Amino acid sequence: MTIAFVLGNGVSRKSVSLAQAKAVGSIYGCNALYRDFSPDCLVATDKPISEEIQNSGYSLHNRFYTRRPMHNLGALTIPQKYYSNSSGPIACAIAAEDGNGKIFMLGFDMGPDHGQRFNNVYAGTDFYKKPDAVPTFTGNWVRQIIQVARDFPSTKFVRVIGDTTAEIAEFRVISNIQNMPMPEFLERLANPVVL
């Protein structure tokens, strides 16, 4: 079974070595991740960050999806079925469409940080809210992730739970979405035979 890691940008993913994950499976990411790391696939739906990515030249040499690709800069159009979704759920859908049987969702915190503020590793950088901003509403993400899981019933989606990850009650009734505590995930990543 092929493994993929889909990176949201919640702060809980900071403890994960992306190089270590890359050695085990494909990495799908969102938005400003490209500033620090080149995943196998990147998704950005918001126009300002999407244009930054394309204007940087990144999309000429890397697999990048957005809603409205700029002319001749290499970006791909998001699959029509997921066109109106948010970046993280789209990245999950593309990872599933690529045939990955197990998808670990890292940094899908979907709640505030410890200070009850905006939870994002890129807070305060270009095109992101300030670190003291109120948390982003994530109800759309919940609904969209559930739909992706239902679209790919034979794919296992594992949401890795860190200390800033919100409990999402709606996920408990979806048979192919499960939770894994961050310490267990890190232990398994160090011994990928058990992933």
N, C-alpha and C. Protein backbone atom coordinates (compact mmCIF):
# COMPACT_ATOMS: atom_id res chain seq x y z
N MET A 1 0.84 -1.18 0.00
CA MET A 1 0.00 0.00 0.00
C MET A 1 0.89 1.25 0.00
N THR A 2 0.60 2.17 -0.91
CA THR A 2 1.38 3.40 -0.94
C THR A 2 0.86 4.38 0.09
N ILE A 3 1.78 5.15 0.64
CA ILE A 3 1.48 6.09 1.71
C ILE A 3 1.72 7.51 1.22
N ALA A 4 0.83 8.40 1.64
CA ALA A 4 1.01 9.83 1.35
C ALA A 4 0.84 10.60 2.64
N PHE A 5 1.48 11.73 2.68
CA PHE A 5 1.35 12.67 3.80
C PHE A 5 0.81 13.97 3.22
N VAL A 6 -0.34 14.40 3.74
CA VAL A 6 -0.92 15.67 3.30
C VAL A 6 -0.71 16.67 4.43
N LEU A 7 -0.04 17.76 4.11
CA LEU A 7 0.33 18.74 5.12
C LEU A 7 -0.59 19.94 5.10
N GLY A 8 -1.37 20.07 6.17
CA GLY A 8 -2.01 21.33 6.45
C GLY A 8 -0.96 22.20 7.12
N ASN A 9 -1.28 23.41 7.42
CA ASN A 9 -0.26 24.29 8.01
C ASN A 9 -0.52 24.64 9.46
N GLY A 10 -1.27 23.79 10.16
CA GLY A 10 -1.43 23.95 11.61
C GLY A 10 -0.11 23.70 12.32
N VAL A 11 0.07 24.35 13.46
CA VAL A 11 1.36 24.29 14.14
C VAL A 11 1.70 22.90 14.67
N SER A 12 0.75 22.00 14.77
CA SER A 12 1.05 20.66 15.29
C SER A 12 2.02 19.90 14.41
N ARG A 13 2.15 20.27 13.14
CA ARG A 13 3.04 19.53 12.26
C ARG A 13 4.51 19.92 12.40
N LYS A 14 4.79 20.93 13.21
CA LYS A 14 6.17 21.40 13.35
C LYS A 14 7.12 20.32 13.87
N SER A 15 6.61 19.36 14.61
CA SER A 15 7.48 18.33 15.19
C SER A 15 7.82 17.21 14.20
N VAL A 16 7.26 17.25 13.01
CA VAL A 16 7.47 16.19 12.03
C VAL A 16 8.62 16.56 11.09
N SER A 17 9.55 15.64 10.91
CA SER A 17 10.63 15.82 9.94
C SER A 17 10.08 15.53 8.55
N LEU A 18 10.00 16.57 7.71
CA LEU A 18 9.46 16.37 6.37
C LEU A 18 10.40 15.52 5.53
N ALA A 19 11.69 15.61 5.77
CA ALA A 19 12.65 14.76 5.05
C ALA A 19 12.42 13.30 5.40
N GLN A 20 12.14 13.03 6.67
CA GLN A 20 11.87 11.66 7.10
C GLN A 20 10.58 11.15 6.45
N ALA A 21 9.55 11.98 6.42
CA ALA A 21 8.30 11.58 5.79
C ALA A 21 8.50 11.35 4.29
N LYS A 22 9.27 12.21 3.65
CA LYS A 22 9.53 12.09 2.21
C LYS A 22 10.20 10.77 1.86
N ALA A 23 11.00 10.25 2.78
CA ALA A 23 11.68 8.98 2.54
C ALA A 23 10.70 7.80 2.58
N VAL A 24 9.51 8.03 3.14
CA VAL A 24 8.53 6.96 3.32
C VAL A 24 7.41 7.02 2.28
N GLY A 25 7.01 8.22 1.88
CA GLY A 25 5.88 8.35 0.96
C GLY A 25 5.87 9.70 0.28
N SER A 26 4.83 9.93 -0.51
CA SER A 26 4.67 11.19 -1.23
C SER A 26 4.13 12.25 -0.29
N ILE A 27 4.51 13.50 -0.55
CA ILE A 27 4.05 14.61 0.27
C ILE A 27 3.24 15.58 -0.58
N TYR A 28 2.05 15.91 -0.06
CA TYR A 28 1.15 16.87 -0.68
C TYR A 28 1.00 18.02 0.30
N GLY A 29 1.06 19.24 -0.18
CA GLY A 29 1.01 20.36 0.74
C GLY A 29 0.20 21.51 0.21
N CYS A 30 0.16 22.57 1.02
CA CYS A 30 -0.70 23.70 0.73
C CYS A 30 0.04 25.03 0.85
N ASN A 31 -0.29 25.91 -0.04
CA ASN A 31 0.05 27.32 0.06
C ASN A 31 1.53 27.57 0.29
N ALA A 32 1.88 28.25 1.38
CA ALA A 32 3.25 28.72 1.59
C ALA A 32 4.24 27.62 1.93
N LEU A 33 3.82 26.38 2.01
CA LEU A 33 4.77 25.29 2.26
C LEU A 33 5.95 25.36 1.30
N TYR A 34 5.70 25.78 0.07
CA TYR A 34 6.77 25.79 -0.93
C TYR A 34 7.93 26.69 -0.53
N ARG A 35 7.67 27.65 0.37
CA ARG A 35 8.76 28.54 0.81
C ARG A 35 9.84 27.78 1.58
N ASP A 36 9.46 26.67 2.22
CA ASP A 36 10.37 25.91 3.07
C ASP A 36 10.71 24.53 2.53
N PHE A 37 9.82 23.98 1.70
CA PHE A 37 9.93 22.57 1.32
C PHE A 37 9.19 22.36 0.01
N SER A 38 9.74 21.56 -0.88
CA SER A 38 9.07 21.26 -2.15
C SER A 38 8.37 19.90 -2.05
N PRO A 39 7.05 19.89 -1.88
CA PRO A 39 6.33 18.62 -1.82
C PRO A 39 6.19 18.01 -3.22
N ASP A 40 5.69 16.80 -3.28
CA ASP A 40 5.43 16.16 -4.58
C ASP A 40 4.28 16.86 -5.30
N CYS A 41 3.39 17.47 -4.53
CA CYS A 41 2.25 18.18 -5.09
C CYS A 41 1.87 19.30 -4.15
N LEU A 42 1.61 20.48 -4.70
CA LEU A 42 1.23 21.65 -3.91
C LEU A 42 -0.10 22.16 -4.43
N VAL A 43 -0.95 22.63 -3.50
CA VAL A 43 -2.26 23.18 -3.86
C VAL A 43 -2.42 24.55 -3.20
N ALA A 44 -2.93 25.52 -3.94
CA ALA A 44 -3.29 26.83 -3.37
C ALA A 44 -4.52 27.34 -4.09
N THR A 45 -5.52 27.72 -3.34
CA THR A 45 -6.76 28.20 -3.95
C THR A 45 -6.90 29.72 -3.89
N ASP A 46 -6.34 30.36 -2.89
CA ASP A 46 -6.46 31.81 -2.77
C ASP A 46 -5.56 32.49 -3.80
N LYS A 47 -6.12 33.48 -4.50
CA LYS A 47 -5.41 34.13 -5.61
C LYS A 47 -4.06 34.73 -5.23
N PRO A 48 -3.95 35.49 -4.14
CA PRO A 48 -2.64 36.11 -3.85
C PRO A 48 -1.51 35.11 -3.65
N ILE A 49 -1.72 34.07 -2.86
CA ILE A 49 -0.64 33.10 -2.63
C ILE A 49 -0.41 32.26 -3.89
N SER A 50 -1.48 31.97 -4.62
CA SER A 50 -1.34 31.23 -5.87
C SER A 50 -0.48 32.00 -6.86
N GLU A 51 -0.73 33.30 -6.97
CA GLU A 51 0.07 34.11 -7.90
C GLU A 51 1.52 34.23 -7.42
N GLU A 52 1.73 34.33 -6.10
CA GLU A 52 3.10 34.36 -5.59
C GLU A 52 3.85 33.09 -6.01
N ILE A 53 3.19 31.94 -5.84
CA ILE A 53 3.81 30.66 -6.18
C ILE A 53 4.17 30.61 -7.67
N GLN A 54 3.22 31.00 -8.51
CA GLN A 54 3.46 30.94 -9.95
C GLN A 54 4.52 31.95 -10.39
N ASN A 55 4.46 33.15 -9.86
CA ASN A 55 5.44 34.19 -10.24
C ASN A 55 6.85 33.86 -9.76
N SER A 56 6.96 33.02 -8.74
CA SER A 56 8.28 32.63 -8.23
C SER A 56 8.99 31.66 -9.18
N GLY A 57 8.23 31.06 -10.11
CA GLY A 57 8.79 30.05 -11.01
C GLY A 57 8.61 28.64 -10.49
N TYR A 58 8.11 28.50 -9.27
CA TYR A 58 7.94 27.18 -8.66
C TYR A 58 7.11 26.24 -9.54
N SER A 59 5.99 26.74 -10.07
CA SER A 59 5.07 25.88 -10.82
C SER A 59 5.62 25.45 -12.18
N LEU A 60 6.70 26.05 -12.64
CA LEU A 60 7.32 25.61 -13.89
C LEU A 60 8.06 24.30 -13.72
N HIS A 61 8.47 24.00 -12.49
CA HIS A 61 9.31 22.82 -12.24
C HIS A 61 8.71 21.86 -11.23
N ASN A 62 7.53 22.19 -10.70
CA ASN A 62 6.90 21.36 -9.67
C ASN A 62 5.41 21.24 -9.94
N ARG A 63 4.82 20.16 -9.47
CA ARG A 63 3.39 19.91 -9.65
C ARG A 63 2.59 20.81 -8.71
N PHE A 64 1.84 21.72 -9.30
CA PHE A 64 1.09 22.72 -8.55
C PHE A 64 -0.31 22.90 -9.13
N TYR A 65 -1.31 22.85 -8.25
CA TYR A 65 -2.71 23.01 -8.65
C TYR A 65 -3.29 24.29 -8.07
N THR A 66 -4.09 24.99 -8.89
CA THR A 66 -4.81 26.17 -8.43
C THR A 66 -6.10 26.30 -9.25
N ARG A 67 -6.94 27.24 -8.88
CA ARG A 67 -8.22 27.39 -9.59
C ARG A 67 -8.06 28.01 -10.97
N ARG A 68 -7.29 29.07 -11.05
CA ARG A 68 -7.13 29.78 -12.32
C ARG A 68 -5.65 29.95 -12.63
N PRO A 69 -5.04 28.94 -13.27
CA PRO A 69 -3.61 29.04 -13.56
C PRO A 69 -3.28 30.25 -14.43
N MET A 70 -2.17 30.86 -14.12
CA MET A 70 -1.67 31.97 -14.94
C MET A 70 -1.07 31.38 -16.22
N HIS A 71 -1.10 32.13 -17.27
CA HIS A 71 -0.67 31.66 -18.60
C HIS A 71 0.82 31.31 -18.62
N ASN A 72 1.12 30.10 -19.11
CA ASN A 72 2.50 29.64 -19.36
C ASN A 72 3.40 29.59 -18.12
N LEU A 73 2.81 29.39 -16.94
CA LEU A 73 3.64 29.29 -15.74
C LEU A 73 3.60 27.90 -15.11
N GLY A 74 3.00 26.94 -15.83
CA GLY A 74 3.09 25.53 -15.45
C GLY A 74 2.06 25.01 -14.48
N ALA A 75 1.21 25.85 -13.95
CA ALA A 75 0.22 25.40 -12.97
C ALA A 75 -0.87 24.57 -13.63
N LEU A 76 -1.44 23.66 -12.86
CA LEU A 76 -2.53 22.79 -13.31
C LEU A 76 -3.84 23.27 -12.68
N THR A 77 -4.95 22.99 -13.34
CA THR A 77 -6.26 23.37 -12.81
C THR A 77 -6.76 22.30 -11.84
N ILE A 78 -7.27 22.73 -10.72
CA ILE A 78 -7.84 21.82 -9.73
C ILE A 78 -8.92 20.97 -10.39
N PRO A 79 -8.98 19.66 -10.08
CA PRO A 79 -10.03 18.81 -10.66
C PRO A 79 -11.41 19.40 -10.40
N GLN A 80 -12.25 19.36 -11.42
CA GLN A 80 -13.55 20.03 -11.39
C GLN A 80 -14.38 19.65 -10.17
N LYS A 81 -14.38 18.39 -9.79
CA LYS A 81 -15.21 17.94 -8.66
C LYS A 81 -14.85 18.66 -7.37
N TYR A 82 -13.60 19.06 -7.23
CA TYR A 82 -13.12 19.67 -5.99
C TYR A 82 -12.77 21.15 -6.17
N TYR A 83 -13.16 21.70 -7.28
CA TYR A 83 -12.76 23.05 -7.66
C TYR A 83 -13.08 24.11 -6.60
N SER A 84 -14.21 24.00 -5.95
CA SER A 84 -14.62 25.02 -4.98
C SER A 84 -14.17 24.71 -3.55
N ASN A 85 -13.46 23.61 -3.35
CA ASN A 85 -13.00 23.24 -2.02
C ASN A 85 -11.81 24.07 -1.58
N SER A 86 -11.43 23.93 -0.33
CA SER A 86 -10.25 24.57 0.24
C SER A 86 -9.01 23.75 -0.09
N SER A 87 -7.85 24.36 0.08
CA SER A 87 -6.59 23.74 -0.34
C SER A 87 -6.33 22.38 0.32
N GLY A 88 -6.49 22.29 1.64
CA GLY A 88 -6.20 21.04 2.34
C GLY A 88 -7.06 19.87 1.88
N PRO A 89 -8.38 20.03 1.85
CA PRO A 89 -9.22 18.95 1.33
C PRO A 89 -8.92 18.60 -0.13
N ILE A 90 -8.59 19.60 -0.95
CA ILE A 90 -8.22 19.31 -2.34
C ILE A 90 -6.95 18.46 -2.38
N ALA A 91 -5.97 18.81 -1.56
CA ALA A 91 -4.73 18.03 -1.52
C ALA A 91 -5.02 16.59 -1.11
N CYS A 92 -5.94 16.40 -0.17
CA CYS A 92 -6.34 15.03 0.22
C CYS A 92 -6.97 14.30 -0.95
N ALA A 93 -7.84 14.99 -1.69
CA ALA A 93 -8.51 14.36 -2.83
C ALA A 93 -7.51 13.98 -3.92
N ILE A 94 -6.56 14.85 -4.21
CA ILE A 94 -5.55 14.54 -5.24
C ILE A 94 -4.68 13.37 -4.80
N ALA A 95 -4.32 13.34 -3.51
CA ALA A 95 -3.53 12.22 -2.99
C ALA A 95 -4.29 10.91 -3.15
N ALA A 96 -5.59 10.94 -2.91
CA ALA A 96 -6.42 9.74 -3.07
C ALA A 96 -6.57 9.39 -4.55
N GLU A 97 -6.79 10.39 -5.40
CA GLU A 97 -6.88 10.13 -6.85
C GLU A 97 -5.60 9.53 -7.39
N ASP A 98 -4.47 9.89 -6.79
CA ASP A 98 -3.18 9.34 -7.22
C ASP A 98 -2.99 7.89 -6.80
N GLY A 99 -3.95 7.34 -6.07
CA GLY A 99 -3.90 5.92 -5.73
C GLY A 99 -3.25 5.58 -4.40
N ASN A 100 -2.98 6.57 -3.57
CA ASN A 100 -2.41 6.27 -2.26
C ASN A 100 -3.45 5.62 -1.37
N GLY A 101 -3.10 4.49 -0.79
CA GLY A 101 -4.06 3.73 0.01
C GLY A 101 -4.19 4.21 1.44
N LYS A 102 -3.16 4.91 1.94
CA LYS A 102 -3.19 5.43 3.30
C LYS A 102 -2.67 6.86 3.26
N ILE A 103 -3.46 7.77 3.79
CA ILE A 103 -3.12 9.19 3.74
C ILE A 103 -3.10 9.74 5.16
N PHE A 104 -1.93 10.20 5.58
CA PHE A 104 -1.78 10.82 6.88
C PHE A 104 -1.98 12.33 6.73
N MET A 105 -2.90 12.88 7.51
CA MET A 105 -3.17 14.32 7.47
C MET A 105 -2.45 14.97 8.65
N LEU A 106 -1.44 15.76 8.35
CA LEU A 106 -0.62 16.41 9.36
C LEU A 106 -0.90 17.91 9.36
N GLY A 107 -1.01 18.50 10.54
CA GLY A 107 -1.26 19.94 10.61
C GLY A 107 -2.68 20.33 10.24
N PHE A 108 -3.59 19.38 10.25
CA PHE A 108 -5.01 19.66 10.03
C PHE A 108 -5.63 19.95 11.41
N ASP A 109 -5.12 20.99 12.07
CA ASP A 109 -5.50 21.27 13.45
C ASP A 109 -6.95 21.73 13.58
N MET A 110 -7.39 22.56 12.67
CA MET A 110 -8.79 22.97 12.57
C MET A 110 -9.33 23.54 13.88
N GLY A 111 -8.49 24.29 14.54
CA GLY A 111 -8.87 24.95 15.79
C GLY A 111 -7.79 25.94 16.15
N PRO A 112 -7.97 26.67 17.25
CA PRO A 112 -7.00 27.69 17.64
C PRO A 112 -5.73 27.10 18.23
N ASP A 113 -4.72 27.94 18.34
CA ASP A 113 -3.49 27.53 19.02
C ASP A 113 -3.72 27.59 20.53
N HIS A 114 -2.67 27.41 21.32
CA HIS A 114 -2.82 27.42 22.78
C HIS A 114 -3.35 28.74 23.32
N GLY A 115 -3.07 29.82 22.62
CA GLY A 115 -3.56 31.12 23.05
C GLY A 115 -4.91 31.49 22.47
N GLN A 116 -5.59 30.50 21.89
CA GLN A 116 -6.90 30.69 21.28
C GLN A 116 -6.85 31.66 20.10
N ARG A 117 -5.72 31.66 19.38
CA ARG A 117 -5.53 32.54 18.24
C ARG A 117 -5.28 31.74 16.96
N PHE A 118 -5.06 32.45 15.87
CA PHE A 118 -4.83 31.87 14.55
C PHE A 118 -3.74 30.80 14.60
N ASN A 119 -4.07 29.62 14.16
CA ASN A 119 -3.18 28.46 14.25
C ASN A 119 -2.62 28.15 12.87
N ASN A 120 -1.45 28.71 12.57
CA ASN A 120 -0.84 28.47 11.27
C ASN A 120 0.65 28.75 11.37
N VAL A 121 1.45 27.84 10.83
CA VAL A 121 2.91 28.01 10.90
C VAL A 121 3.38 29.26 10.15
N TYR A 122 2.57 29.77 9.22
CA TYR A 122 2.96 30.94 8.44
C TYR A 122 2.28 32.23 8.91
N ALA A 123 1.67 32.19 10.09
CA ALA A 123 1.01 33.39 10.63
C ALA A 123 1.97 34.57 10.63
N GLY A 124 1.48 35.70 10.16
CA GLY A 124 2.28 36.92 10.14
C GLY A 124 3.13 37.11 8.90
N THR A 125 3.14 36.12 8.00
CA THR A 125 3.89 36.27 6.75
C THR A 125 2.94 36.75 5.65
N ASP A 126 3.49 37.05 4.48
CA ASP A 126 2.67 37.54 3.37
C ASP A 126 1.46 36.64 3.12
N PHE A 127 0.30 37.25 3.01
CA PHE A 127 -0.98 36.63 2.68
C PHE A 127 -1.57 35.79 3.80
N TYR A 128 -1.05 35.91 5.01
CA TYR A 128 -1.58 35.19 6.17
C TYR A 128 -1.98 36.18 7.26
N LYS A 129 -2.95 35.77 8.08
CA LYS A 129 -3.35 36.60 9.21
C LYS A 129 -2.19 36.76 10.19
N LYS A 130 -2.31 37.76 11.04
CA LYS A 130 -1.32 37.97 12.09
C LYS A 130 -1.46 36.89 13.17
N PRO A 131 -0.39 36.60 13.89
CA PRO A 131 -0.45 35.55 14.92
C PRO A 131 -1.51 35.77 15.99
N ASP A 132 -1.87 37.03 16.26
CA ASP A 132 -2.88 37.28 17.30
C ASP A 132 -4.30 37.39 16.74
N ALA A 133 -4.48 37.04 15.47
CA ALA A 133 -5.81 37.09 14.84
C ALA A 133 -6.70 35.96 15.39
N VAL A 134 -7.99 36.15 15.24
CA VAL A 134 -8.92 35.10 15.66
C VAL A 134 -8.76 33.89 14.73
N PRO A 135 -9.06 32.69 15.24
CA PRO A 135 -8.92 31.49 14.41
C PRO A 135 -9.81 31.52 13.16
N THR A 136 -9.37 30.83 12.14
CA THR A 136 -10.14 30.72 10.90
C THR A 136 -11.27 29.71 11.09
N PHE A 137 -12.43 30.01 10.55
CA PHE A 137 -13.55 29.07 10.56
C PHE A 137 -13.20 27.85 9.73
N THR A 138 -13.42 26.66 10.28
CA THR A 138 -13.01 25.43 9.58
C THR A 138 -14.17 24.51 9.25
N GLY A 139 -15.39 24.99 9.41
CA GLY A 139 -16.54 24.14 9.12
C GLY A 139 -16.55 23.62 7.69
N ASN A 140 -16.12 24.45 6.73
CA ASN A 140 -16.07 24.00 5.35
C ASN A 140 -15.07 22.86 5.18
N TRP A 141 -13.92 22.96 5.88
CA TRP A 141 -12.92 21.89 5.80
C TRP A 141 -13.51 20.57 6.29
N VAL A 142 -14.23 20.62 7.40
CA VAL A 142 -14.83 19.40 7.95
C VAL A 142 -15.73 18.75 6.91
N ARG A 143 -16.64 19.53 6.36
CA ARG A 143 -17.58 19.00 5.37
C ARG A 143 -16.85 18.46 4.14
N GLN A 144 -15.85 19.18 3.67
CA GLN A 144 -15.12 18.77 2.46
C GLN A 144 -14.28 17.51 2.69
N ILE A 145 -13.64 17.40 3.84
CA ILE A 145 -12.85 16.19 4.14
C ILE A 145 -13.76 14.97 4.24
N ILE A 146 -14.92 15.14 4.85
CA ILE A 146 -15.87 14.02 4.92
C ILE A 146 -16.28 13.60 3.52
N GLN A 147 -16.53 14.55 2.64
CA GLN A 147 -16.91 14.20 1.26
C GLN A 147 -15.79 13.47 0.54
N VAL A 148 -14.55 13.92 0.71
CA VAL A 148 -13.41 13.23 0.08
C VAL A 148 -13.31 11.80 0.61
N ALA A 149 -13.45 11.63 1.92
CA ALA A 149 -13.39 10.27 2.50
C ALA A 149 -14.49 9.39 1.93
N ARG A 150 -15.66 9.94 1.73
CA ARG A 150 -16.76 9.16 1.15
C ARG A 150 -16.52 8.87 -0.33
N ASP A 151 -15.86 9.78 -1.03
CA ASP A 151 -15.55 9.55 -2.44
C ASP A 151 -14.52 8.45 -2.64
N PHE A 152 -13.69 8.21 -1.61
CA PHE A 152 -12.62 7.20 -1.69
C PHE A 152 -12.75 6.26 -0.50
N PRO A 153 -13.80 5.41 -0.49
CA PRO A 153 -14.07 4.59 0.70
C PRO A 153 -13.01 3.53 1.00
N SER A 154 -12.20 3.15 0.03
CA SER A 154 -11.16 2.15 0.29
C SER A 154 -9.84 2.79 0.72
N THR A 155 -9.79 4.11 0.76
CA THR A 155 -8.59 4.83 1.22
C THR A 155 -8.71 5.10 2.71
N LYS A 156 -7.63 4.87 3.45
CA LYS A 156 -7.62 5.16 4.88
C LYS A 156 -7.04 6.56 5.09
N PHE A 157 -7.79 7.40 5.77
CA PHE A 157 -7.36 8.75 6.11
C PHE A 157 -7.04 8.78 7.60
N VAL A 158 -5.82 9.13 7.94
CA VAL A 158 -5.39 9.14 9.34
C VAL A 158 -5.05 10.58 9.72
N ARG A 159 -5.84 11.16 10.60
CA ARG A 159 -5.59 12.52 11.07
C ARG A 159 -4.68 12.45 12.29
N VAL A 160 -3.50 13.03 12.16
CA VAL A 160 -2.53 12.99 13.24
C VAL A 160 -2.85 14.12 14.22
N ILE A 161 -3.01 13.75 15.48
CA ILE A 161 -3.50 14.65 16.51
C ILE A 161 -2.36 15.16 17.38
N GLY A 162 -2.10 16.45 17.29
CA GLY A 162 -1.11 17.08 18.14
C GLY A 162 -1.79 17.83 19.28
N ASP A 163 -1.02 18.56 20.05
CA ASP A 163 -1.62 19.23 21.22
C ASP A 163 -2.40 20.49 20.86
N THR A 164 -2.39 20.91 19.60
CA THR A 164 -3.23 22.04 19.17
C THR A 164 -4.30 21.59 18.17
N THR A 165 -4.50 20.29 18.05
CA THR A 165 -5.47 19.77 17.09
C THR A 165 -6.85 19.67 17.74
N ALA A 166 -7.84 20.25 17.10
CA ALA A 166 -9.21 20.25 17.63
C ALA A 166 -9.86 18.89 17.43
N GLU A 167 -10.71 18.53 18.37
CA GLU A 167 -11.53 17.33 18.25
C GLU A 167 -12.65 17.65 17.26
N ILE A 168 -12.83 16.79 16.26
CA ILE A 168 -13.91 16.97 15.27
C ILE A 168 -14.86 15.79 15.40
N ALA A 169 -15.98 16.02 16.06
CA ALA A 169 -16.92 14.94 16.35
C ALA A 169 -17.46 14.30 15.08
N GLU A 170 -17.64 15.10 14.02
CA GLU A 170 -18.21 14.58 12.77
C GLU A 170 -17.34 13.51 12.13
N PHE A 171 -16.03 13.54 12.39
CA PHE A 171 -15.13 12.55 11.79
C PHE A 171 -15.31 11.17 12.43
N ARG A 172 -15.80 11.13 13.66
CA ARG A 172 -15.88 9.85 14.39
C ARG A 172 -16.81 8.84 13.72
N VAL A 173 -17.76 9.33 12.95
CA VAL A 173 -18.73 8.41 12.33
C VAL A 173 -18.34 8.03 10.90
N ILE A 174 -17.19 8.50 10.43
CA ILE A 174 -16.73 8.17 9.08
C ILE A 174 -15.73 7.02 9.22
N SER A 175 -16.09 5.86 8.69
CA SER A 175 -15.33 4.64 8.98
C SER A 175 -13.89 4.67 8.47
N ASN A 176 -13.60 5.42 7.42
CA ASN A 176 -12.23 5.42 6.89
C ASN A 176 -11.43 6.67 7.31
N ILE A 177 -11.92 7.39 8.33
CA ILE A 177 -11.13 8.45 8.96
C ILE A 177 -10.84 8.01 10.39
N GLN A 178 -9.57 7.98 10.74
CA GLN A 178 -9.21 7.65 12.12
C GLN A 178 -8.21 8.67 12.64
N ASN A 179 -8.05 8.71 13.94
CA ASN A 179 -7.09 9.60 14.58
C ASN A 179 -5.88 8.81 15.05
N MET A 180 -4.74 9.46 15.07
CA MET A 180 -3.52 8.87 15.63
C MET A 180 -2.81 9.97 16.41
N PRO A 181 -2.50 9.73 17.68
CA PRO A 181 -1.78 10.74 18.46
C PRO A 181 -0.39 11.00 17.86
N MET A 182 0.05 12.24 17.92
CA MET A 182 1.35 12.62 17.36
C MET A 182 2.50 11.75 17.88
N PRO A 183 2.61 11.47 19.19
CA PRO A 183 3.73 10.63 19.64
C PRO A 183 3.75 9.26 18.98
N GLU A 184 2.59 8.65 18.81
CA GLU A 184 2.52 7.34 18.13
C GLU A 184 2.94 7.48 16.68
N PHE A 185 2.46 8.55 16.01
CA PHE A 185 2.84 8.76 14.62
C PHE A 185 4.36 8.91 14.48
N LEU A 186 4.97 9.72 15.33
CA LEU A 186 6.41 9.94 15.24
C LEU A 186 7.18 8.65 15.48
N GLU A 187 6.70 7.84 16.39
CA GLU A 187 7.33 6.54 16.66
C GLU A 187 7.23 5.63 15.44
N ARG A 188 6.07 5.63 14.82
CA ARG A 188 5.87 4.79 13.63
C ARG A 188 6.66 5.33 12.43
N LEU A 189 6.74 6.64 12.31
CA LEU A 189 7.50 7.22 11.20
C LEU A 189 8.97 6.84 11.31
N ALA A 190 9.46 6.71 12.54
CA ALA A 190 10.85 6.30 12.74
C ALA A 190 11.07 4.83 12.40
N ASN A 191 9.98 4.06 12.36
CA ASN A 191 10.02 2.64 11.99
C ASN A 191 8.91 2.39 10.98
N PRO A 192 9.06 2.88 9.73
CA PRO A 192 7.95 2.93 8.79
C PRO A 192 7.30 1.60 8.42
N VAL A 193 7.91 0.50 8.78
CA VAL A 193 7.29 -0.79 8.51
C VAL A 193 5.93 -0.89 9.18
N VAL A 194 5.76 -0.19 10.31
CA VAL A 194 4.50 -0.27 11.05
C VAL A 194 3.54 0.87 10.71
N LEU A 195 3.89 1.73 9.77
CA LEU A 195 2.97 2.80 9.39
C LEU A 195 1.74 2.20 8.73
